[in-house]
Protein backbone atom coordinates (compact mmCIF):
# COMPACT_ATOMS: atom_id res chain seq x y z
CA GLN A 1 -18.15 2.65 6.51
CA VAL A 2 -15.19 2.90 4.19
CA GLN A 3 -14.51 1.17 1.02
CA LEU A 4 -10.86 0.85 -0.12
CA VAL A 5 -10.35 -0.58 -3.81
CA GLU A 6 -6.67 -1.52 -4.79
CA SER A 7 -5.31 -1.58 -8.63
CA GLY A 8 -2.30 -1.70 -10.22
CA GLY A 9 -0.96 -5.25 -9.18
CA GLY A 10 0.83 -7.87 -11.59
CA THR A 11 3.76 -9.57 -12.62
CA VAL A 12 7.07 -8.01 -13.57
CA GLN A 13 10.59 -9.09 -13.75
CA ALA A 14 13.50 -8.50 -11.20
CA GLY A 15 14.32 -4.83 -11.42
CA GLY A 16 11.14 -3.60 -12.74
CA SER A 17 8.61 -1.21 -11.45
CA LEU A 18 4.99 -1.27 -10.42
CA ARG A 19 2.59 1.26 -9.21
CA LEU A 20 -0.13 0.49 -6.62
CA SER A 21 -3.23 2.62 -6.35
CA CYS A 22 -5.86 2.64 -3.58
CA ALA A 23 -9.08 4.75 -3.96
CA ALA A 24 -10.94 5.30 -0.48
CA SER A 25 -14.64 6.05 -0.42
CA GLY A 26 -17.50 5.82 1.86
CA SER A 27 -16.93 7.97 5.45
CA ILE A 28 -13.26 9.14 4.58
CA PHE A 29 -13.33 12.08 7.02
CA SER A 30 -10.96 11.49 9.76
CA ILE A 31 -9.01 8.99 8.15
CA ASN A 32 -5.75 10.13 9.58
CA THR A 33 -3.25 7.33 8.20
CA MET A 34 -3.33 5.52 4.99
CA GLY A 35 -0.64 2.81 3.88
CA TRP A 36 0.15 -0.67 2.38
CA TYR A 37 0.75 -3.58 4.03
CA ARG A 38 1.96 -7.22 2.45
CA GLN A 39 1.33 -10.73 3.21
CA ALA A 40 3.32 -13.56 1.51
CA PRO A 41 2.55 -17.15 1.56
CA GLY A 42 2.92 -18.59 4.94
CA LYS A 43 4.29 -15.11 6.51
CA GLN A 44 2.59 -12.91 8.65
CA ARG A 45 1.02 -9.42 6.89
CA GLU A 46 3.82 -6.96 7.54
CA LEU A 47 3.72 -3.03 7.14
CA VAL A 48 5.26 -1.98 3.80
CA ALA A 49 4.79 2.07 4.34
CA ASP A 50 1.85 4.47 5.34
CA ILE A 51 1.29 8.23 5.26
CA THR A 52 -0.23 10.41 7.52
CA SER A 53 -2.85 13.08 6.32
CA GLY A 54 -0.14 15.73 7.23
CA GLY A 55 1.95 13.73 4.64
CA SER A 56 4.56 12.03 7.23
CA THR A 57 5.54 8.83 5.57
CA SER A 58 7.35 5.44 7.12
CA TYR A 59 8.91 2.65 5.48
CA ALA A 60 9.74 -1.08 6.23
CA ASP A 61 13.59 -1.21 6.22
CA SER A 62 13.43 -3.76 3.30
CA VAL A 63 11.60 -1.19 0.85
CA LYS A 64 13.73 2.08 1.87
CA GLY A 65 14.86 3.87 -1.03
CA ARG A 66 12.96 1.52 -3.49
CA PHE A 67 9.39 2.43 -2.81
CA THR A 68 7.54 5.56 -2.40
CA ILE A 69 4.20 6.27 -1.09
CA SER A 70 2.21 9.38 -1.59
CA ARG A 71 -1.48 10.46 -0.95
CA ASP A 72 -3.84 12.71 -2.93
CA ASN A 73 -6.04 14.05 0.01
CA ALA A 74 -8.17 15.88 -2.54
CA LYS A 75 -9.18 12.97 -4.66
CA ASN A 76 -8.83 10.20 -1.45
CA THR A 77 -6.26 8.25 -3.09
CA VAL A 78 -3.11 6.88 -1.93
CA LEU A 79 -0.23 5.49 -4.35
CA LEU A 80 2.69 3.13 -3.84
CA GLN A 81 5.48 3.50 -6.54
CA MET A 82 7.58 0.35 -6.35
CA ASN A 83 10.89 0.29 -8.09
CA SER A 84 13.90 -1.89 -8.10
CA LEU A 85 11.39 -4.90 -7.45
CA LYS A 86 12.89 -8.10 -5.99
CA PRO A 87 11.62 -11.57 -5.87
CA GLU A 88 11.32 -11.15 -2.15
CA ASP A 89 8.40 -8.33 -2.60
CA THR A 90 6.13 -11.07 -4.20
CA ALA A 91 3.05 -10.83 -2.09
CA VAL A 92 -0.37 -9.77 -1.96
CA TYR A 93 -0.59 -5.91 -1.16
CA TYR A 94 -3.22 -4.55 1.09
CA CYS A 95 -4.55 -0.72 1.23
CA HIS A 96 -5.18 0.01 4.95
CA GLY A 97 -6.95 2.68 6.56
CA LEU A 98 -7.25 3.88 9.88
CA ARG A 99 -10.07 6.28 10.83
CA TYR A 100 -9.99 8.06 14.61
CA SER A 101 -6.97 6.40 15.11
CA THR A 102 -9.06 3.16 16.10
CA LEU A 103 -10.76 1.85 13.14
CA ASN A 104 -9.18 -0.32 11.13
CA TYR A 105 -10.33 -0.42 7.11
CA TRP A 106 -8.81 -2.79 4.42
CA GLY A 107 -8.85 -3.56 0.81
CA GLN A 108 -9.42 -6.76 -0.91
CA GLY A 109 -5.71 -7.11 -1.64
CA THR A 110 -3.64 -7.23 -4.74
CA GLN A 111 -1.14 -9.40 -6.02
CA VAL A 112 2.38 -8.54 -6.96
CA THR A 113 4.49 -11.20 -8.45
CA VAL A 114 8.19 -10.44 -9.53
CA SER A 115 10.01 -13.20 -11.21
CA SER A 116 13.55 -13.76 -10.99
C-alpha cells in the first residue's frame, strides 16, 4: 500500500501564491508517476500537473506558465508551486501516485481557495 499526505492548502487572494506538498510512504517503489489533480464543486476531477520518476512533466493548459511541479525522489515528495493564482483555481487538490503503471493512489485532498 501507498499513503499520500498533502499539505499546504489555504486561502489566498488572486495573484498570490501557494505551495502544495505531498509526502509518499509505504510501498513507494515503482511509483513511476506522481501528480496533482483538482476538483471544483460541480465539476469533474481534472489533471493539473504530473511528473515521472525521470523528471518529465506535463501540465493542464490552464496552469501552464503559472504552476510548477517538482519531485524529490530521495524524500519521496512532490511539490506544486502555484503562482498568479486565479479564482478559477479554487478547488480541492489531490495528490496522485501511479505505481506499476496501473495502481492508482490518492491523498485525502487539500482545499485551495482563491478570493477575488
